[in-house]
């Protein structure tokens, strides 16, 4: 059960990694001037699934992707337009979240689900081993996880009755998908990145969250070009009041921007990458030619659909 908790927390931590949510920018898909396909793969597949796809041959990936394309073509005109891609990405994302929530919800003991709801104490007991912590000796890290979960639980409890129904539990597990969870997502992200615990995120903390020199041993300590681009992004766009650090409001604009449609942005990104003849829509050939971008996109349901063999199942 502790795995369920970690999965839920990871859903938020992903938002803070290389997250460039300015709708006028496409910086999240680039490092310096080069398209960062690894970002797409890890952002939309997750590192584990991305690693699985690294084992597929290009031929196999293309073959499986080609079977999916007709399902994306809502009007069956032979082209994939941006709105079709956006609708498909939205559908896949909702299905992924719903399946994830269903899978974890069903793992809880039946007697703990009363009238379709689960209480915090019962959740805590099943996940952490005790309903109230009595008799437990917890490490600081573990205690922090419980405290964070309890705060998130309280916000997800939309009707404040002390228990979560299936919908509220979905917001607990995937707070990034619920508008009323916006502030808790920001607070958790700040807590993760804010190393000096002053309640804000300075430039060093901002860069440190996304760049670690050990990940680039071939550069011998020299920063990749994209890191300087992120420094400029911080100064020119993130830090709106120019005080050298991101406050809660600035963090909210970065992590959970109001009115920013991630599915639309991803669809636009994919069309921009694969539309070789620049006619504003994609053909099967164009999509397959850029298979390495698409297998890392929400358009393929975190890559899970490409693992299927029967196109009728797609």
Foldseek 3Di string as FASTA:
>chain_A
DLVLLVLLVVLLLLLLALFFQDLVDPLSQDQFPDGNLVSLQCSQQNPVRSVVVVPDDLVLLLVLVLLCVCVLVVVNPQWRFLVSQLVLLVVLVVVLLLVSLVVVVVPQDPVQQDPQKHAQLSVCCVNVVGSPCPPDDDDPVRVVSSVLLVVLLCQLPPVRPRIDGSNSVSCSSNVLVDPSSLLSSLQVNCVVQVPVPPQWHFLVSSLVSHDDVVVPVVVVPDDGRSSVVVSCCCQPPQCVVRPRIHHSVSSSCRRPNPPRRPSSSLSVVLCVVQVPVPPRIGGSVSCSVVSSNVCSHSSCSSNPSSVDDDSVVD
